[in-house]
């Protein structure tokens, strides 16, 4: 490290309510070495629960509203804010901020711009790939949450910048897990001996909760004692509740909405089911492994990098309620297999430590900063 002051790092993201990327910020930003970095977050639409918790832990969170990705007035407003914050590094997240944050940082003359790629489905619109190809010239580097995400980005954009992309897997807490609060079952009317198949997700199309509900219909037809607990909120929530009712399984499927005491739910699950149509990595899978939940998950995106079929869980094809139901029933019927997969996963997930993640990220920041400095003549 040759710089003589802590580097000012701004993380740019659209919003700071509860979500996988936001939870990752909460798990890592408070542990960054403050003698090396001054961290702050800029939300381009709104703050939220996660942002307020970061503020309580001493991480500044500001809102600079951007109404459109290419709106010049908003871009210049964000650029002025970044310049006033004296940012040395701007680290952007998710597609919208990976566009607006990069352009604004360029306008502000920020030395180092890093974009974090979290998903495999963001370039299905051709114009998005074009914009990312254009923005590549401004980025000093990229972080990808999995090899699958890195490869999807390169394939969609046609960029030959593999050497600029560092794969940095997400982090899982290392603190001891709790068994969960037994009162949670009572709260939702779940009998004490009912097997619980759980999931945690946003209620949006890519998470394919509709597929999970149709698989629940198949499972409940043969095992009426099973309960499905779906934790999360989103624009499809009311529609999905109605779908479960139409299928006649409203009493077997519990929609909890968003929950902040998420540990109690993982502690209650007897099994975790992930039904996604696309997934960058799956933070929820890391948490499920940590809590010892046997896993059935769809074979999409970076999921196979975590769920190794027959070793740390069961993989099934996406968009197939029958395949998902068969996987769930297999673990319900073979509790020894379920225990073995869960034990393997609990051991596997220990490698995703916060300490390793934070140190890798800090070193990457400094590596890019020094590289850019030297490209400019080490001034």
Protein backbone atom coordinates (compact mmCIF):
# COMPACT_ATOMS: atom_id res chain seq x y z
CA UNK A 1 0.00 0.00 0.00
CA UNK A 2 1.62 3.23 -1.19
CA UNK A 3 -1.22 5.72 -0.77
CA UNK A 4 -0.92 7.81 2.39
CA UNK A 5 -4.60 8.22 3.26
CA UNK A 6 -7.62 5.93 3.61
CA UNK A 7 -9.24 5.47 0.21
CA UNK A 8 -12.76 6.84 -0.14
CA UNK A 9 -15.00 4.08 -1.50
CA UNK A 10 -18.60 4.68 -2.57
CA UNK A 11 -20.89 1.71 -3.16
CA UNK A 12 -23.64 2.73 -5.61
CA UNK A 13 -26.85 0.69 -5.60
CA UNK A 14 -30.49 1.38 -6.52
CA UNK A 15 -32.16 0.83 -3.14
CA UNK A 16 -31.36 -0.37 0.36
CA UNK A 17 -34.40 -2.37 1.46
CA UNK A 18 -34.03 -6.07 2.24
CA UNK A 19 -32.52 -8.05 -0.64
CA UNK A 20 -29.65 -10.43 -1.26
CA UNK A 21 -27.15 -7.80 -2.42
CA UNK A 22 -28.15 -5.45 0.38
CA UNK A 23 -27.74 -8.19 2.99
CA UNK A 24 -24.25 -8.81 1.63
CA UNK A 25 -23.38 -5.15 2.16
CA UNK A 26 -24.62 -5.41 5.74
CA UNK A 27 -22.55 -8.53 6.34
CA UNK A 28 -19.32 -6.99 5.04
CA UNK A 29 -19.14 -3.17 5.06
CA UNK A 30 -18.94 -2.79 8.87
CA UNK A 31 -15.89 -5.09 8.85
CA UNK A 32 -13.82 -3.17 6.29
CA UNK A 33 -10.56 -1.83 7.78
CA UNK A 34 -11.30 1.84 8.44
CA UNK A 35 -7.62 2.69 8.60
CA UNK A 36 -7.45 1.71 4.91
CA UNK A 37 -10.89 2.70 3.60
CA UNK A 38 -13.70 5.17 4.23
CA UNK A 39 -16.86 3.37 3.11
CA UNK A 40 -20.19 4.91 2.24
CA UNK A 41 -23.27 3.88 0.27
CA UNK A 42 -25.19 5.89 -2.32
CA UNK A 43 -28.74 4.68 -3.10
CA UNK A 44 -30.16 6.04 -6.34
CA UNK A 45 -33.84 5.55 -5.51
CA UNK A 46 -34.45 5.10 -1.77
CA UNK A 47 -33.03 4.02 1.55
CA UNK A 48 -34.52 1.09 3.47
CA UNK A 49 -34.16 -1.27 6.41
CA UNK A 50 -30.68 -2.45 5.47
CA UNK A 51 -29.48 1.09 4.84
CA UNK A 52 -30.74 2.27 8.20
CA UNK A 53 -28.99 -0.63 9.94
CA UNK A 54 -25.73 0.26 8.17
CA UNK A 55 -26.14 3.85 9.37
CA UNK A 56 -26.56 2.58 12.93
CA UNK A 57 -23.26 0.75 12.48
CA UNK A 58 -21.46 3.90 11.35
CA UNK A 59 -21.61 3.52 7.55
CA UNK A 60 -23.01 6.67 5.85
CA UNK A 61 -25.90 6.01 3.47
CA UNK A 62 -27.03 8.82 1.16
CA UNK A 63 -29.83 8.98 -1.39
CA UNK A 64 -29.16 10.72 -4.72
CA UNK A 65 -32.24 10.12 -6.83
CA UNK A 66 -31.80 8.95 -10.42
CA UNK A 67 -35.11 8.75 -12.28
CA UNK A 68 -33.74 7.26 -15.51
CA UNK A 69 -30.57 5.39 -16.32
CA UNK A 70 -29.56 7.79 -19.09
CA UNK A 71 -31.22 10.96 -17.77
CA UNK A 72 -28.49 13.62 -18.21
CA UNK A 73 -29.75 15.85 -15.41
CA UNK A 74 -29.70 12.98 -12.92
CA UNK A 75 -26.33 11.70 -14.17
CA UNK A 76 -24.74 15.11 -13.64
CA UNK A 77 -26.38 15.42 -10.21
CA UNK A 78 -24.91 12.05 -9.19
CA UNK A 79 -21.55 13.02 -10.70
CA UNK A 80 -21.48 16.24 -8.67
CA UNK A 81 -22.26 14.27 -5.52
CA UNK A 82 -19.48 11.74 -6.23
CA UNK A 83 -17.02 14.56 -6.88
CA UNK A 84 -18.01 16.30 -3.64
CA UNK A 85 -17.55 13.00 -1.76
CA UNK A 86 -13.96 12.84 -3.09
CA UNK A 87 -14.43 9.25 -4.15
CA UNK A 88 -11.25 7.36 -5.01
CA UNK A 89 -13.19 4.20 -5.90
CA UNK A 90 -16.79 3.78 -7.04
CA UNK A 91 -18.13 0.23 -6.72
CA UNK A 92 -21.49 -0.26 -8.46
CA UNK A 93 -24.08 -3.04 -8.02
CA UNK A 94 -26.79 -4.59 -10.23
CA UNK A 95 -27.65 -3.57 -13.75
CA UNK A 96 -29.21 -0.11 -13.26
CA UNK A 97 -26.41 1.21 -11.03
CA UNK A 98 -23.79 -0.58 -13.10
CA UNK A 99 -24.86 1.82 -15.85
CA UNK A 100 -25.70 5.09 -14.10
CA UNK A 101 -23.03 4.72 -11.42
CA UNK A 102 -20.30 4.06 -13.98
CA UNK A 103 -21.25 6.98 -16.22
CA UNK A 104 -21.60 9.39 -13.30
CA UNK A 105 -18.28 8.25 -11.82
CA UNK A 106 -16.61 8.82 -15.18
CA UNK A 107 -18.09 12.32 -15.38
CA UNK A 108 -16.83 12.98 -11.84
CA UNK A 109 -13.30 11.87 -12.72
CA UNK A 110 -13.25 9.05 -10.16
CA UNK A 111 -9.93 7.18 -10.60
CA UNK A 112 -11.20 3.61 -10.10
CA UNK A 113 -14.58 2.24 -11.18
CA UNK A 114 -15.58 -1.35 -10.33
CA UNK A 115 -18.84 -3.03 -11.33
CA UNK A 116 -20.24 -5.98 -9.40
CA UNK A 117 -22.19 -8.53 -11.47
CA UNK A 118 -24.78 -10.48 -9.48
CA UNK A 119 -27.03 -12.22 -12.00
CA UNK A 120 -26.98 -14.19 -15.24
CA UNK A 121 -30.20 -12.83 -16.78
CA UNK A 122 -29.50 -9.10 -17.05
CA UNK A 123 -28.57 -8.99 -20.75
CA UNK A 124 -31.60 -10.62 -22.37
CA UNK A 125 -32.32 -7.23 -23.95
CA UNK A 126 -29.66 -6.62 -26.60
CA UNK A 127 -29.38 -2.91 -25.82
CA UNK A 128 -28.14 -3.76 -22.34
CA UNK A 129 -25.19 -5.69 -23.75
CA UNK A 130 -24.38 -2.73 -26.00
CA UNK A 131 -24.34 -0.32 -23.05
CA UNK A 132 -22.12 -2.65 -21.04
CA UNK A 133 -19.69 -2.92 -23.96
CA UNK A 134 -19.56 0.88 -24.10
CA UNK A 135 -19.03 1.21 -20.34
CA UNK A 136 -16.24 -1.38 -20.24
CA UNK A 137 -13.70 1.27 -21.26
CA UNK A 138 -14.38 3.16 -18.03
CA UNK A 139 -14.14 0.21 -15.65
CA UNK A 140 -10.87 -0.72 -14.00
CA UNK A 141 -12.28 -4.08 -13.01
CA UNK A 142 -15.27 -6.26 -12.26
CA UNK A 143 -16.38 -8.58 -9.49
CA UNK A 144 -18.67 -11.54 -10.26
CA UNK A 145 -20.48 -13.60 -7.64
CA UNK A 146 -19.82 -16.86 -9.48
CA UNK A 147 -18.05 -18.32 -12.48
CA UNK A 148 -21.43 -18.78 -14.15
CA UNK A 149 -22.18 -15.07 -13.79
CA UNK A 150 -18.76 -14.13 -15.17
CA UNK A 151 -19.20 -16.42 -18.17
CA UNK A 152 -22.76 -15.21 -18.84
CA UNK A 153 -21.56 -11.60 -18.84
CA UNK A 154 -18.71 -12.34 -21.25
CA UNK A 155 -20.96 -14.38 -23.53
CA UNK A 156 -23.73 -11.77 -23.63
CA UNK A 157 -21.50 -8.75 -24.16
CA UNK A 158 -18.85 -10.35 -26.36
CA UNK A 159 -16.18 -8.58 -24.33
CA UNK A 160 -12.74 -10.15 -24.14
CA UNK A 161 -12.08 -8.86 -20.64
CA UNK A 162 -11.95 -12.08 -18.63
CA UNK A 163 -8.69 -10.94 -17.06
CA UNK A 164 -10.49 -7.88 -15.62
CA UNK A 165 -13.09 -9.99 -13.77
CA UNK A 166 -12.44 -11.38 -10.31
CA UNK A 167 -14.83 -14.05 -9.02
CA UNK A 168 -15.69 -13.28 -5.38
CA UNK A 169 -18.19 -15.67 -3.86
CA UNK A 170 -20.63 -14.25 -1.35
CA UNK A 171 -20.10 -14.61 2.37
CA UNK A 172 -21.97 -16.54 5.01
CA UNK A 173 -22.04 -15.68 8.70
CA UNK A 174 -19.78 -17.79 10.90
CA UNK A 175 -21.66 -17.15 14.14
CA UNK A 176 -23.32 -20.19 15.76
CA UNK A 177 -26.84 -20.81 14.50
CA UNK A 178 -29.91 -20.90 16.72
CA UNK A 179 -32.55 -23.63 16.45
CA UNK A 180 -35.22 -21.02 15.78
CA UNK A 181 -38.10 -19.84 17.89
CA UNK A 182 -40.76 -22.55 18.35
CA UNK A 183 -43.36 -19.80 18.57
CA UNK A 184 -42.92 -19.21 14.83
CA UNK A 185 -44.78 -22.44 14.07
CA UNK A 186 -47.58 -21.44 16.39
CA UNK A 187 -47.74 -17.95 14.87
CA UNK A 188 -48.46 -19.41 11.42
CA UNK A 189 -50.64 -22.30 12.58
CA UNK A 190 -48.14 -25.02 11.67
CA UNK A 191 -48.51 -28.24 13.70
CA UNK A 192 -45.42 -29.11 15.78
CA UNK A 193 -44.80 -32.36 13.87
CA UNK A 194 -45.54 -31.09 10.34
CA UNK A 195 -42.54 -31.24 7.94
CA UNK A 196 -41.73 -27.74 6.71
CA UNK A 197 -40.35 -27.03 3.24
CA UNK A 198 -39.15 -23.44 3.21
CA UNK A 199 -37.82 -20.83 0.84
CA UNK A 200 -36.74 -17.20 1.08
CA UNK A 201 -37.11 -15.07 -2.02
CA UNK A 202 -38.45 -11.91 -3.58
CA UNK A 203 -41.86 -12.46 -5.13
CA UNK A 204 -40.74 -11.69 -8.67
CA UNK A 205 -40.88 -13.78 -11.87
CA UNK A 206 -37.23 -14.87 -11.88
CA UNK A 207 -37.64 -16.65 -8.53
CA UNK A 208 -40.35 -18.93 -10.03
CA UNK A 209 -42.40 -19.20 -6.85
CA UNK A 210 -45.29 -20.17 -9.12
CA UNK A 211 -43.34 -23.34 -9.96
CA UNK A 212 -42.78 -24.03 -6.27
CA UNK A 213 -46.52 -23.66 -5.59
CA UNK A 214 -47.38 -26.12 -8.36
CA UNK A 215 -44.82 -28.56 -6.95
CA UNK A 216 -46.41 -28.09 -3.52
CA UNK A 217 -49.73 -29.19 -5.01
CA UNK A 218 -48.11 -32.47 -6.11
CA UNK A 219 -46.39 -33.05 -2.76
CA UNK A 220 -49.46 -32.27 -0.66
CA UNK A 221 -51.61 -34.64 -2.75
CA UNK A 222 -49.47 -37.49 -1.40
CA UNK A 223 -48.33 -35.96 1.89
CA UNK A 224 -51.08 -33.68 3.22
CA UNK A 225 -49.19 -33.07 6.47
CA UNK A 226 -46.40 -31.10 4.71
CA UNK A 227 -46.34 -27.31 5.00
CA UNK A 228 -44.61 -24.91 2.61
CA UNK A 229 -43.37 -21.64 4.12
CA UNK A 230 -42.52 -18.86 1.65
CA UNK A 231 -40.70 -15.86 3.14
CA UNK A 232 -40.42 -12.60 1.22
CA UNK A 233 -42.36 -9.86 -0.49
CA UNK A 234 -42.62 -8.46 -4.00
CA UNK A 235 -44.98 -7.42 -6.76
CA UNK A 236 -46.33 -10.95 -7.31
CA UNK A 237 -47.18 -11.69 -3.68
CA UNK A 238 -50.95 -11.26 -3.91
CA UNK A 239 -51.10 -13.14 -7.20
CA UNK A 240 -49.14 -16.07 -5.73
CA UNK A 241 -51.37 -16.22 -2.65
CA UNK A 242 -54.34 -16.40 -4.97
CA UNK A 243 -52.67 -19.10 -7.06
CA UNK A 244 -52.17 -21.31 -4.00
CA UNK A 245 -55.81 -20.83 -3.03
CA UNK A 246 -56.99 -21.71 -6.54
CA UNK A 247 -55.02 -24.97 -6.36
CA UNK A 248 -56.73 -25.83 -3.08
CA UNK A 249 -53.54 -25.77 -0.99
CA UNK A 250 -54.02 -22.44 0.77
CA UNK A 251 -53.86 -24.14 4.19
CA UNK A 252 -50.61 -25.92 3.31
CA UNK A 253 -48.77 -22.88 1.92
CA UNK A 254 -47.85 -20.04 4.26
CA UNK A 255 -46.79 -16.67 2.86
CA UNK A 256 -45.10 -14.70 5.64
CA UNK A 257 -44.17 -11.56 3.72
CA UNK A 258 -40.88 -9.91 4.53
CA UNK A 259 -39.30 -10.96 7.83
CA UNK A 260 -36.32 -9.39 9.57
CA UNK A 261 -35.89 -12.27 12.04
CA UNK A 262 -34.98 -14.53 9.15
CA UNK A 263 -32.83 -16.82 11.32
CA UNK A 264 -35.93 -18.12 13.11
CA UNK A 265 -37.35 -19.25 9.78
CA UNK A 266 -34.22 -21.07 8.61
CA UNK A 267 -34.18 -22.68 12.05
CA UNK A 268 -37.75 -23.91 11.50
CA UNK A 269 -37.24 -25.33 7.99
CA UNK A 270 -36.82 -29.07 7.63
CA UNK A 271 -35.78 -28.55 4.03
CA UNK A 272 -35.00 -25.64 1.70
CA UNK A 273 -36.34 -25.45 -1.86
CA UNK A 274 -35.04 -23.03 -4.48
CA UNK A 275 -37.14 -22.84 -7.65
CA UNK A 276 -35.41 -19.98 -9.51
CA UNK A 277 -35.39 -19.60 -13.28
CA UNK A 278 -32.06 -17.79 -13.03
CA UNK A 279 -29.66 -17.24 -10.15
CA UNK A 280 -26.26 -15.60 -9.96
CA UNK A 281 -25.20 -17.68 -6.96
CA UNK A 282 -27.96 -17.80 -4.37
CA UNK A 283 -27.21 -16.15 -1.03
CA UNK A 284 -30.18 -18.00 0.43
CA UNK A 285 -28.47 -21.31 -0.35
CA UNK A 286 -25.45 -20.30 1.71
CA UNK A 287 -27.74 -19.48 4.62
CA UNK A 288 -29.70 -22.73 4.21
CA UNK A 289 -26.44 -24.69 4.26
CA UNK A 290 -25.32 -22.85 7.36
CA UNK A 291 -28.56 -23.75 9.16
CA UNK A 292 -28.32 -27.39 8.17
CA UNK A 293 -31.31 -27.35 5.81
CA UNK A 294 -31.20 -30.15 3.20
CA UNK A 295 -31.54 -28.46 -0.20
CA UNK A 296 -33.42 -29.11 -3.42
CA UNK A 297 -32.56 -26.46 -6.03
CA UNK A 298 -32.88 -25.79 -9.72
CA UNK A 299 -29.85 -26.27 -11.94
CA UNK A 300 -29.44 -22.63 -13.03
CA UNK A 301 -26.68 -20.03 -13.08
CA UNK A 302 -24.15 -20.36 -10.27
CA UNK A 303 -26.30 -22.75 -8.20
CA UNK A 304 -24.27 -25.88 -9.18
CA UNK A 305 -21.16 -24.17 -7.80
CA UNK A 306 -22.79 -24.51 -4.38
CA UNK A 307 -25.23 -27.38 -4.68
CA UNK A 308 -23.31 -30.39 -5.91
CA UNK A 309 -25.90 -32.95 -6.90
CA UNK A 310 -25.95 -35.89 -4.50
CA UNK A 311 -23.23 -34.32 -2.35
CA UNK A 312 -24.41 -31.01 -0.89
CA UNK A 313 -28.00 -31.16 -2.14
CA UNK A 314 -30.24 -32.27 -4.97
CA UNK A 315 -30.36 -30.46 -8.31
CA UNK A 316 -33.42 -30.50 -10.56
CA UNK A 317 -34.25 -28.94 -13.89
CA UNK A 318 -35.94 -25.50 -13.81
CA UNK A 319 -39.55 -24.87 -14.82
CA UNK A 320 -40.59 -28.39 -13.77
CA UNK A 321 -43.00 -28.66 -10.83
CA UNK A 322 -42.77 -32.46 -11.06
CA UNK A 323 -38.96 -32.52 -10.88
CA UNK A 324 -38.99 -30.16 -7.90
CA UNK A 325 -41.73 -32.18 -6.18
CA UNK A 326 -39.83 -35.43 -6.78
CA UNK A 327 -36.69 -33.94 -5.22
CA UNK A 328 -38.63 -32.72 -2.19
CA UNK A 329 -40.36 -36.07 -1.72
CA UNK A 330 -37.08 -37.91 -2.05
CA UNK A 331 -35.68 -36.05 0.95
CA UNK A 332 -38.91 -36.35 2.91
CA UNK A 333 -38.85 -40.12 2.40
CA UNK A 334 -35.13 -40.64 3.04
CA UNK A 335 -34.23 -38.76 6.18
CA UNK A 336 -30.79 -40.36 6.32
CA UNK A 337 -29.98 -38.98 2.87
CA UNK A 338 -31.32 -35.59 3.95
CA UNK A 339 -29.09 -35.59 7.04
CA UNK A 340 -26.04 -36.64 5.01
CA UNK A 341 -26.51 -33.92 2.38
CA UNK A 342 -27.08 -31.30 5.07
CA UNK A 343 -23.93 -32.35 6.96
CA UNK A 344 -21.85 -32.19 3.78
CA UNK A 345 -23.25 -28.76 2.95
CA UNK A 346 -22.57 -27.44 6.45
CA UNK A 347 -18.91 -28.39 6.08
CA UNK A 348 -18.69 -27.06 2.53
CA UNK A 349 -20.09 -23.63 3.39
CA UNK A 350 -17.41 -22.87 5.99
CA UNK A 351 -15.02 -21.78 3.24
CA UNK A 352 -17.20 -18.73 2.50
CA UNK A 353 -15.95 -16.76 5.49
CA UNK A 354 -16.42 -13.04 6.02
CA UNK A 355 -12.74 -12.62 6.88
CA UNK A 356 -11.58 -14.07 3.57
CA UNK A 357 -14.13 -12.05 1.59
CA UNK A 358 -13.22 -8.76 3.23
CA UNK A 359 -9.46 -9.25 2.86
CA UNK A 360 -9.82 -10.25 -0.80
CA UNK A 361 -11.99 -7.20 -1.50
CA UNK A 362 -9.64 -4.79 0.28
CA UNK A 363 -6.62 -6.14 -1.58
CA UNK A 364 -8.50 -5.89 -4.89
CA UNK A 365 -9.38 -2.25 -4.25
CA UNK A 366 -5.76 -1.38 -3.51
CA UNK A 367 -4.48 -3.41 -6.45
CA UNK A 368 -6.74 -1.53 -8.88
CA UNK A 369 -6.00 1.85 -7.31
CA UNK A 370 -2.24 1.35 -7.59
CA UNK A 371 -2.58 0.02 -11.15
CA UNK A 372 -4.52 3.12 -12.24
CA UNK A 373 -2.06 5.41 -10.48
CA UNK A 374 0.86 3.83 -12.29
CA UNK A 375 -0.95 4.01 -15.63
CA UNK A 376 -1.18 7.76 -15.03
CA UNK A 377 2.53 7.97 -14.23
CA UNK A 378 2.34 7.17 -10.50
CA UNK A 379 1.65 10.84 -9.84
